[in-house]
PDB file of N, CA and C in Angstrom:
ATOM      1  N   UNK A   1       0.789  -0.941  -0.611  1.00  0.00           N
ATOM      2  CA  UNK A   1       0.013  -0.593  -0.058  1.00  0.00           C
ATOM      3  C   UNK A   1       0.769   1.490   0.219  1.00  0.00           C
ATOM      4  N   UNK A   2       0.519   1.863  -1.040  1.00  0.00           N
ATOM      5  CA  UNK A   2       1.175   3.702  -0.794  1.00  0.00           C
ATOM      6  C   UNK A   2       0.459   4.386  -0.182  1.00  0.00           C
ATOM      7  N   UNK A   3       0.891   5.915  -0.750  1.00  0.00           N
ATOM      8  CA  UNK A   3       0.171   7.029  -0.205  1.00  0.00           C
ATOM      9  C   UNK A   3      -1.098   7.162  -0.446  1.00  0.00           C
ATOM     10  N   UNK A   4      -0.730   6.823  -1.839  1.00  0.00           N
ATOM     11  CA  UNK A   4      -2.416   7.299  -2.280  1.00  0.00           C
ATOM     12  C   UNK A   4      -3.580   5.969  -1.714  1.00  0.00           C
ATOM     13  N   UNK A   5      -3.064   5.118  -1.675  1.00  0.00           N
ATOM     14  CA  UNK A   5      -3.983   3.748  -1.207  1.00  0.00           C
ATOM     15  C   UNK A   5      -4.576   4.559   0.125  1.00  0.00           C
ATOM     16  N   UNK A   6      -3.528   4.892   0.814  1.00  0.00           N
ATOM     17  CA  UNK A   6      -3.764   5.605   2.040  1.00  0.00           C
ATOM     18  C   UNK A   6      -5.607   6.162   1.490  1.00  0.00           C
ATOM     19  N   UNK A   7      -4.656   7.171   1.362  1.00  0.00           N
ATOM     20  CA  UNK A   7      -5.997   8.679   1.007  1.00  0.00           C
ATOM     21  C   UNK A   7      -7.217   8.284   0.159  1.00  0.00           C
ATOM     22  N   UNK A   8      -6.667   6.958  -0.867  1.00  0.00           N
ATOM     23  CA  UNK A   8      -7.869   6.169  -1.222  1.00  0.00           C
ATOM     24  C   UNK A   8      -8.556   5.214  -0.174  1.00  0.00           C
ATOM     25  N   UNK A   9      -8.034   4.872   0.497  1.00  0.00           N
ATOM     26  CA  UNK A   9      -8.770   4.142   2.045  1.00  0.00           C
ATOM     27  C   UNK A   9      -9.230   4.972   2.793  1.00  0.00           C
ATOM     28  N   UNK A  10      -9.185   6.300   2.794  1.00  0.00           N
ATOM     29  CA  UNK A  10      -9.816   6.834   3.809  1.00  0.00           C
ATOM     30  C   UNK A  10      -8.672   7.075   4.898  1.00  0.00           C
ATOM     31  N   UNK A  11      -7.533   6.669   4.750  1.00  0.00           N
ATOM     32  CA  UNK A  11      -7.124   7.199   6.328  1.00  0.00           C
ATOM     33  C   UNK A  11      -6.330   8.624   6.313  1.00  0.00           C
ATOM     34  N   UNK A  12      -6.083   9.036   6.991  1.00  0.00           N
ATOM     35  CA  UNK A  12      -5.528  10.682   7.503  1.00  0.00           C
ATOM     36  C   UNK A  12      -4.456  10.402   8.020  1.00  0.00           C
ATOM     37  N   UNK A  13      -3.515  11.818   7.589  1.00  0.00           N
ATOM     38  CA  UNK A  13      -1.949  11.604   8.488  1.00  0.00           C
ATOM     39  C   UNK A  13      -2.623  12.342   9.533  1.00  0.00           C
ATOM     40  N   UNK A  14      -1.578  11.729  10.859  1.00  0.00           N
ATOM     41  CA  UNK A  14      -1.706  12.055  12.111  1.00  0.00           C
ATOM     42  C   UNK A  14      -0.298  12.336  12.751  1.00  0.00           C
ATOM     43  N   UNK A  15       0.664  11.974  12.451  1.00  0.00           N
ATOM     44  CA  UNK A  15       1.807  12.642  12.788  1.00  0.00           C
ATOM     45  C   UNK A  15       3.190  11.676  12.189  1.00  0.00           C
ATOM     46  N   UNK A  16       4.081  12.692  11.914  1.00  0.00           N
ATOM     47  CA  UNK A  16       5.940  12.420  11.692  1.00  0.00           C
ATOM     48  C   UNK A  16       6.494  11.776  12.496  1.00  0.00           C
ATOM     49  N   UNK A  17       7.473  11.643  12.296  1.00  0.00           N
ATOM     50  CA  UNK A  17       8.482  10.977  13.646  1.00  0.00           C
ATOM     51  C   UNK A  17      10.193  12.151  13.234  1.00  0.00           C
ATOM     52  N   UNK A  18      10.645  12.520  14.531  1.00  0.00           N
ATOM     53  CA  UNK A  18      11.753  12.788  13.970  1.00  0.00           C
ATOM     54  C   UNK A  18      12.762  12.450  13.640  1.00  0.00           C
ATOM     55  N   UNK A  19      12.885  11.065  13.459  1.00  0.00           N
ATOM     56  CA  UNK A  19      14.092  10.353  12.722  1.00  0.00           C
ATOM     57  C   UNK A  19      14.271  10.319  11.358  1.00  0.00           C
ATOM     58  N   UNK A  20      15.614  10.109  11.023  1.00  0.00           N
ATOM     59  CA  UNK A  20      15.854  10.456   9.607  1.00  0.00           C
ATOM     60  C   UNK A  20      14.904   9.668   8.267  1.00  0.00           C
ATOM     61  N   UNK A  21      14.104   8.398   8.760  1.00  0.00           N
ATOM     62  CA  UNK A  21      13.243   7.771   8.134  1.00  0.00           C
ATOM     63  C   UNK A  21      11.731   8.406   7.484  1.00  0.00           C
ATOM     64  N   UNK A  22      12.015   9.417   8.877  1.00  0.00           N
ATOM     65  CA  UNK A  22      10.544  10.534   8.290  1.00  0.00           C
ATOM     66  C   UNK A  22       8.990   9.948   8.617  1.00  0.00           C
ATOM     67  N   UNK A  23       9.551   8.662   9.188  1.00  0.00           N
ATOM     68  CA  UNK A  23       7.988   8.052   9.584  1.00  0.00           C
ATOM     69  C   UNK A  23       6.985   8.617   9.782  1.00  0.00           C
ATOM     70  N   UNK A  24       5.168   7.749   8.891  1.00  0.00           N
ATOM     71  CA  UNK A  24       4.067   8.483   9.281  1.00  0.00           C
ATOM     72  C   UNK A  24       3.839   7.601   9.818  1.00  0.00           C
ATOM     73  N   UNK A  25       2.281   7.574  10.810  1.00  0.00           N
ATOM     74  CA  UNK A  25       1.606   7.012  11.296  1.00  0.00           C
ATOM     75  C   UNK A  25       0.132   8.027  10.528  1.00  0.00           C
ATOM     76  N   UNK A  26      -0.453   7.026  10.473  1.00  0.00           N
ATOM     77  CA  UNK A  26      -2.004   7.031   9.542  1.00  0.00           C
ATOM     78  C   UNK A  26      -3.061   6.337  10.503  1.00  0.00           C
ATOM     79  N   UNK A  27      -4.257   6.866  10.513  1.00  0.00           N
ATOM     80  CA  UNK A  27      -5.091   5.900  11.469  1.00  0.00           C
ATOM     81  C   UNK A  27      -6.603   6.135  10.697  1.00  0.00           C
ATOM     82  N   UNK A  28      -7.952   6.176  10.314  1.00  0.00           N
ATOM     83  CA  UNK A  28      -9.371   6.117  10.202  1.00  0.00           C
ATOM     84  C   UNK A  28      -9.882   5.251  11.328  1.00  0.00           C
ATOM     85  N   UNK A  29     -11.084   5.944  11.128  1.00  0.00           N
ATOM     86  CA  UNK A  29     -12.588   4.871  11.831  1.00  0.00           C
ATOM     87  C   UNK A  29     -12.214   3.908  10.940  1.00  0.00           C
ATOM     88  N   UNK A  30     -13.342   2.840  11.247  1.00  0.00           N
ATOM     89  CA  UNK A  30     -12.888   1.369  10.471  1.00  0.00           C
ATOM     90  C   UNK A  30     -15.113   1.116  10.110  1.00  0.00           C
ATOM     91  N   UNK A  31     -15.344   1.405  10.632  1.00  0.00           N
ATOM     92  CA  UNK A  31     -17.168   1.412  10.725  1.00  0.00           C
ATOM     93  C   UNK A  31     -17.810   0.664  11.871  1.00  0.00           C
ATOM     94  N   UNK A  32     -16.576  -0.088  12.702  1.00  0.00           N
ATOM     95  CA  UNK A  32     -17.283  -1.179  13.878  1.00  0.00           C
ATOM     96  C   UNK A  32     -17.080  -0.169  14.911  1.00  0.00           C
ATOM     97  N   UNK A  33     -17.825   0.124  15.760  1.00  0.00           N
ATOM     98  CA  UNK A  33     -18.775   1.187  16.932  1.00  0.00           C
ATOM     99  C   UNK A  33     -17.461   1.770  16.428  1.00  0.00           C
ATOM    100  N   UNK A  34     -16.226   1.817  17.451  1.00  0.00           N
ATOM    101  CA  UNK A  34     -15.777   3.877  18.045  1.00  0.00           C
ATOM    102  C   UNK A  34     -14.088   2.830  17.505  1.00  0.00           C
ATOM    103  N   UNK A  35     -13.998   2.042  16.590  1.00  0.00           N
ATOM    104  CA  UNK A  35     -12.841   0.736  16.595  1.00  0.00           C
ATOM    105  C   UNK A  35     -12.026   1.853  15.417  1.00  0.00           C
ATOM    106  N   UNK A  36     -10.639   2.084  15.089  1.00  0.00           N
ATOM    107  CA  UNK A  36      -9.494   3.461  14.989  1.00  0.00           C
ATOM    108  C   UNK A  36      -8.813   1.729  14.333  1.00  0.00           C
ATOM    109  N   UNK A  37      -8.291   2.064  12.735  1.00  0.00           N
ATOM    110  CA  UNK A  37      -7.246   1.346  12.515  1.00  0.00           C
ATOM    111  C   UNK A  37      -5.863   2.278  12.048  1.00  0.00           C
ATOM    112  N   UNK A  38      -5.060   1.834  12.430  1.00  0.00           N
ATOM    113  CA  UNK A  38      -3.567   2.599  12.362  1.00  0.00           C
ATOM    114  C   UNK A  38      -2.208   1.766  11.895  1.00  0.00           C
ATOM    115  N   UNK A  39      -1.478   2.641  10.966  1.00  0.00           N
ATOM    116  CA  UNK A  39      -0.522   1.963  10.371  1.00  0.00           C
ATOM    117  C   UNK A  39       0.989   2.984  10.470  1.00  0.00           C
ATOM    118  N   UNK A  40       2.057   2.449   9.902  1.00  0.00           N
ATOM    119  CA  UNK A  40       2.613   3.187   9.766  1.00  0.00           C
ATOM    120  C   UNK A  40       2.954   3.644   8.314  1.00  0.00           C
ATOM    121  N   UNK A  41       3.763   4.355   7.631  1.00  0.00           N
ATOM    122  CA  UNK A  41       4.359   4.423   6.362  1.00  0.00           C
ATOM    123  C   UNK A  41       5.292   5.867   6.168  1.00  0.00           C
ATOM    124  N   UNK A  42       6.310   4.626   5.037  1.00  0.00           N
ATOM    125  CA  UNK A  42       7.695   5.558   5.298  1.00  0.00           C
ATOM    126  C   UNK A  42       7.755   5.970   3.521  1.00  0.00           C
ATOM    127  N   UNK A  43       7.582   7.350   3.998  1.00  0.00           N
ATOM    128  CA  UNK A  43       7.569   8.285   2.653  1.00  0.00           C
ATOM    129  C   UNK A  43       8.667   8.148   2.019  1.00  0.00           C
ATOM    130  N   UNK A  44       9.788   7.718   2.540  1.00  0.00           N
ATOM    131  CA  UNK A  44      11.112   7.459   1.391  1.00  0.00           C
ATOM    132  C   UNK A  44      10.842   6.960   0.273  1.00  0.00           C
ATOM    133  N   UNK A  45      10.254   5.692   0.698  1.00  0.00           N
ATOM    134  CA  UNK A  45       9.595   4.393   0.058  1.00  0.00           C
ATOM    135  C   UNK A  45       8.733   4.063  -0.372  1.00  0.00           C
ATOM    136  N   UNK A  46       7.759   5.266   0.067  1.00  0.00           N
ATOM    137  CA  UNK A  46       6.484   4.878  -0.195  1.00  0.00           C
ATOM    138  C   UNK A  46       5.365   3.982   0.144  1.00  0.00           C
ATOM    139  N   UNK A  47       5.970   2.568   1.194  1.00  0.00           N
ATOM    140  CA  UNK A  47       5.469   2.259   1.355  1.00  0.00           C
ATOM    141  C   UNK A  47       4.414   1.734   2.242  1.00  0.00           C
ATOM    142  N   UNK A  48       2.929   1.702   3.216  1.00  0.00           N
ATOM    143  CA  UNK A  48       2.878   1.016   4.570  1.00  0.00           C
ATOM    144  C   UNK A  48       3.331   0.439   4.826  1.00  0.00           C
ATOM    145  N   UNK A  49       3.487   0.157   5.781  1.00  0.00           N
ATOM    146  CA  UNK A  49       4.485  -1.274   6.933  1.00  0.00           C
ATOM    147  C   UNK A  49       2.826  -1.974   7.141  1.00  0.00           C
ATOM    148  N   UNK A  50       2.370  -2.654   6.170  1.00  0.00           N
ATOM    149  CA  UNK A  50       1.189  -3.715   6.787  1.00  0.00           C
ATOM    150  C   UNK A  50       1.434  -4.320   7.892  1.00  0.00           C
ATOM    151  N   UNK A  51       3.102  -4.923   8.538  1.00  0.00           N
ATOM    152  CA  UNK A  51       2.979  -5.510   9.475  1.00  0.00           C
ATOM    153  C   UNK A  51       2.811  -4.535  11.127  1.00  0.00           C
ATOM    154  N   UNK A  52       2.765  -3.421  10.428  1.00  0.00           N
ATOM    155  CA  UNK A  52       2.124  -2.485  11.636  1.00  0.00           C
ATOM    156  C   UNK A  52       0.709  -2.345  11.853  1.00  0.00           C
ATOM    157  N   UNK A  53       0.447  -2.263  11.363  1.00  0.00           N
ATOM    158  CA  UNK A  53      -1.452  -2.082  11.149  1.00  0.00           C
ATOM    159  C   UNK A  53      -1.872  -2.894  12.839  1.00  0.00           C
ATOM    160  N   UNK A  54      -2.532  -2.186  13.435  1.00  0.00           N
ATOM    161  CA  UNK A  54      -2.774  -2.188  14.549  1.00  0.00           C
ATOM    162  C   UNK A  54      -4.799  -1.990  14.928  1.00  0.00           C
ATOM    163  N   UNK A  55      -5.617  -2.250  15.411  1.00  0.00           N
ATOM    164  CA  UNK A  55      -6.631  -1.818  16.477  1.00  0.00           C
ATOM    165  C   UNK A  55      -6.878  -1.035  17.486  1.00  0.00           C
ATOM    166  N   UNK A  56      -7.526   0.047  17.921  1.00  0.00           N
ATOM    167  CA  UNK A  56      -7.751   0.582  18.843  1.00  0.00           C
ATOM    168  C   UNK A  56      -9.414   1.183  19.132  1.00  0.00           C
ATOM    169  N   UNK A  57      -9.488   1.057  20.303  1.00  0.00           N
ATOM    170  CA  UNK A  57     -11.391   2.326  19.904  1.00  0.00           C
ATOM    171  C   UNK A  57     -10.238   3.432  20.524  1.00  0.00           C
ATOM    172  N   UNK A  58     -11.710   4.072  20.152  1.00  0.00           N
ATOM    173  CA  UNK A  58     -10.939   5.562  20.810  1.00  0.00           C
ATOM    174  C   UNK A  58     -11.242   6.198  21.703  1.00  0.00           C
ATOM    175  N   UNK A  59     -11.994   5.014  22.609  1.00  0.00           N
ATOM    176  CA  UNK A  59     -12.868   5.309  24.076  1.00  0.00           C
ATOM    177  C   UNK A  59     -10.944   5.093  24.281  1.00  0.00           C
ATOM    178  N   UNK A  60     -10.371   3.499  24.171  1.00  0.00           N
ATOM    179  CA  UNK A  60      -9.377   3.645  24.784  1.00  0.00           C
ATOM    180  C   UNK A  60      -7.987   4.476  24.677  1.00  0.00           C
ATOM    181  N   UNK A  61      -7.998   4.741  23.310  1.00  0.00           N
ATOM    182  CA  UNK A  61      -6.984   5.590  22.637  1.00  0.00           C
ATOM    183  C   UNK A  61      -7.953   7.822  23.507  1.00  0.00           C
ATOM    184  N   UNK A  62      -8.572   8.072  24.135  1.00  0.00           N
ATOM    185  CA  UNK A  62      -9.476   8.661  24.780  1.00  0.00           C
ATOM    186  C   UNK A  62      -7.873   8.847  26.564  1.00  0.00           C
ATOM    187  N   UNK A  63      -9.031   7.279  26.824  1.00  0.00           N
ATOM    188  CA  UNK A  63      -7.879   7.147  28.087  1.00  0.00           C
ATOM    189  C   UNK A  63      -6.316   7.487  28.683  1.00  0.00           C
ATOM    190  N   UNK A  64      -6.083   6.950  27.280  1.00  0.00           N
ATOM    191  CA  UNK A  64      -4.496   6.601  26.755  1.00  0.00           C
ATOM    192  C   UNK A  64      -3.935   8.110  26.872  1.00  0.00           C
ATOM    193  N   UNK A  65      -4.915   9.053  26.278  1.00  0.00           N
ATOM    194  CA  UNK A  65      -4.858  10.557  26.514  1.00  0.00           C
ATOM    195  C   UNK A  65      -4.595  11.370  27.615  1.00  0.00           C
ATOM    196  N   UNK A  66      -5.224  10.764  27.958  1.00  0.00           N
ATOM    197  CA  UNK A  66      -5.865  11.928  29.682  1.00  0.00           C
ATOM    198  C   UNK A  66      -4.575  11.121  30.529  1.00  0.00           C
ATOM    199  N   UNK A  67      -3.757   9.712  30.418  1.00  0.00           N
ATOM    200  CA  UNK A  67      -3.125   9.562  31.283  1.00  0.00           C
ATOM    201  C   UNK A  67      -1.356  10.164  30.786  1.00  0.00           C
ATOM    202  N   UNK A  68      -1.410  10.378  29.676  1.00  0.00           N
ATOM    203  CA  UNK A  68      -0.412  10.863  29.071  1.00  0.00           C
ATOM    204  C   UNK A  68      -0.636  12.645  29.783  1.00  0.00           C
ATOM    205  N   UNK A  69      -2.253  12.863  29.974  1.00  0.00           N
ATOM    206  CA  UNK A  69      -2.018  14.589  30.522  1.00  0.00           C
ATOM    207  C   UNK A  69      -1.945  14.679  31.793  1.00  0.00           C
ATOM    208  N   UNK A  70      -2.084  13.698  32.334  1.00  0.00           N
ATOM    209  CA  UNK A  70      -1.980  13.326  33.792  1.00  0.00           C
ATOM    210  C   UNK A  70      -0.593  13.366  34.150  1.00  0.00           C
ATOM    211  N   UNK A  71       0.198  12.462  33.833  1.00  0.00           N
ATOM    212  CA  UNK A  71       1.400  12.596  34.336  1.00  0.00           C
ATOM    213  C   UNK A  71       1.977  12.904  33.573  1.00  0.00           C
ATOM    214  N   UNK A  72       2.126  14.014  32.638  1.00  0.00           N
ATOM    215  CA  UNK A  72       2.827  15.038  31.823  1.00  0.00           C
ATOM    216  C   UNK A  72       3.871  15.797  32.760  1.00  0.00           C
ATOM    217  N   UNK A  73       3.024  16.217  33.981  1.00  0.00           N
ATOM    218  CA  UNK A  73       3.898  17.743  34.475  1.00  0.00           C
ATOM    219  C   UNK A  73       5.222  16.319  35.462  1.00  0.00           C
ATOM    220  N   UNK A  74       4.656  15.581  36.152  1.00  0.00           N
ATOM    221  CA  UNK A  74       5.752  14.634  36.531  1.00  0.00           C
ATOM    222  C   UNK A  74       6.716  14.006  35.763  1.00  0.00           C
ATOM    223  N   UNK A  75       6.399  14.304  34.307  1.00  0.00           N
ATOM    224  CA  UNK A  75       7.395  13.533  32.919  1.00  0.00           C
ATOM    225  C   UNK A  75       8.676  14.866  33.345  1.00  0.00           C
ATOM    226  N   UNK A  76       8.007  15.849  33.317  1.00  0.00           N
ATOM    227  CA  UNK A  76       8.603  17.462  33.242  1.00  0.00           C
ATOM    228  C   UNK A  76       9.540  17.572  34.799  1.00  0.00           C
ATOM    229  N   UNK A  77       8.728  17.406  35.280  1.00  0.00           N
ATOM    230  CA  UNK A  77       9.150  17.428  36.971  1.00  0.00           C
ATOM    231  C   UNK A  77      10.498  15.969  37.748  1.00  0.00           C
ATOM    232  N   UNK A  78      10.150  15.605  37.323  1.00  0.00           N
ATOM    233  CA  UNK A  78      11.228  14.331  37.106  1.00  0.00           C
ATOM    234  C   UNK A  78      12.875  14.177  35.857  1.00  0.00           C
ATOM    235  N   UNK A  79      12.110  15.087  35.151  1.00  0.00           N
ATOM    236  CA  UNK A  79      13.485  15.055  34.003  1.00  0.00           C
ATOM    237  C   UNK A  79      13.615  13.582  33.934  1.00  0.00           C
ATOM    238  N   UNK A  80      13.031  12.624  33.251  1.00  0.00           N
ATOM    239  CA  UNK A  80      12.776  11.362  32.692  1.00  0.00           C
ATOM    240  C   UNK A  80      13.056  11.571  31.406  1.00  0.00           C
ATOM    241  N   UNK A  81      14.416  10.593  31.532  1.00  0.00           N
ATOM    242  CA  UNK A  81      15.069  10.240  30.076  1.00  0.00           C
ATOM    243  C   UNK A  81      14.259   9.939  28.879  1.00  0.00           C
ATOM    244  N   UNK A  82      14.267  10.236  27.358  1.00  0.00           N
ATOM    245  CA  UNK A  82      13.228   9.686  27.003  1.00  0.00           C
ATOM    246  C   UNK A  82      14.345   9.099  25.757  1.00  0.00           C
ATOM    247  N   UNK A  83      13.805   8.934  24.252  1.00  0.00           N
ATOM    248  CA  UNK A  83      15.127   8.551  23.087  1.00  0.00           C
ATOM    249  C   UNK A  83      13.943  10.124  22.468  1.00  0.00           C
ATOM    250  N   UNK A  84      14.510  10.820  22.055  1.00  0.00           N
ATOM    251  CA  UNK A  84      14.476  11.948  21.424  1.00  0.00           C
ATOM    252  C   UNK A  84      14.630  11.765  19.778  1.00  0.00           C
ATOM    253  N   UNK A  85      14.973  10.701  19.422  1.00  0.00           N
ATOM    254  CA  UNK A  85      14.523  10.368  18.489  1.00  0.00           C
ATOM    255  C   UNK A  85      13.808   9.989  17.766  1.00  0.00           C
ATOM    256  N   UNK A  86      12.559   9.737  18.537  1.00  0.00           N
ATOM    257  CA  UNK A  86      11.465   8.694  18.897  1.00  0.00           C
ATOM    258  C   UNK A  86      10.117   9.824  19.209  1.00  0.00           C
ATOM    259  N   UNK A  87      10.054  11.027  18.738  1.00  0.00           N
ATOM    260  CA  UNK A  87       9.778  12.299  18.583  1.00  0.00           C
ATOM    261  C   UNK A  87       8.423  12.208  17.676  1.00  0.00           C
ATOM    262  N   UNK A  88       7.249  12.288  18.001  1.00  0.00           N
ATOM    263  CA  UNK A  88       6.193  12.636  16.484  1.00  0.00           C
ATOM    264  C   UNK A  88       5.754  13.700  16.867  1.00  0.00           C
ATOM    265  N   UNK A  89       5.803  14.462  15.660  1.00  0.00           N
ATOM    266  CA  UNK A  89       4.860  15.751  15.361  1.00  0.00           C
ATOM    267  C   UNK A  89       4.107  15.780  14.673  1.00  0.00           C
TER     268      UNK A  89
END
């Protein structure tokens, strides 16, 4: 699957990794309740990595966002080390 296939399939670009490969995250609702399917795409080769395809419910995604928000001040305060090559924007 290439970028045009993702667009034709209803996927939306979500974010891009700051790594050398500039890997992208793409996602869409699949029509089964609140289920989202997402996968990674490599622009350099114009190939979506089918083996990375995963599903998550919107409610679970919302729960994880709330967890991130509530832990953010601890993350900054504790100066927790993280992989700076694995930032998504």
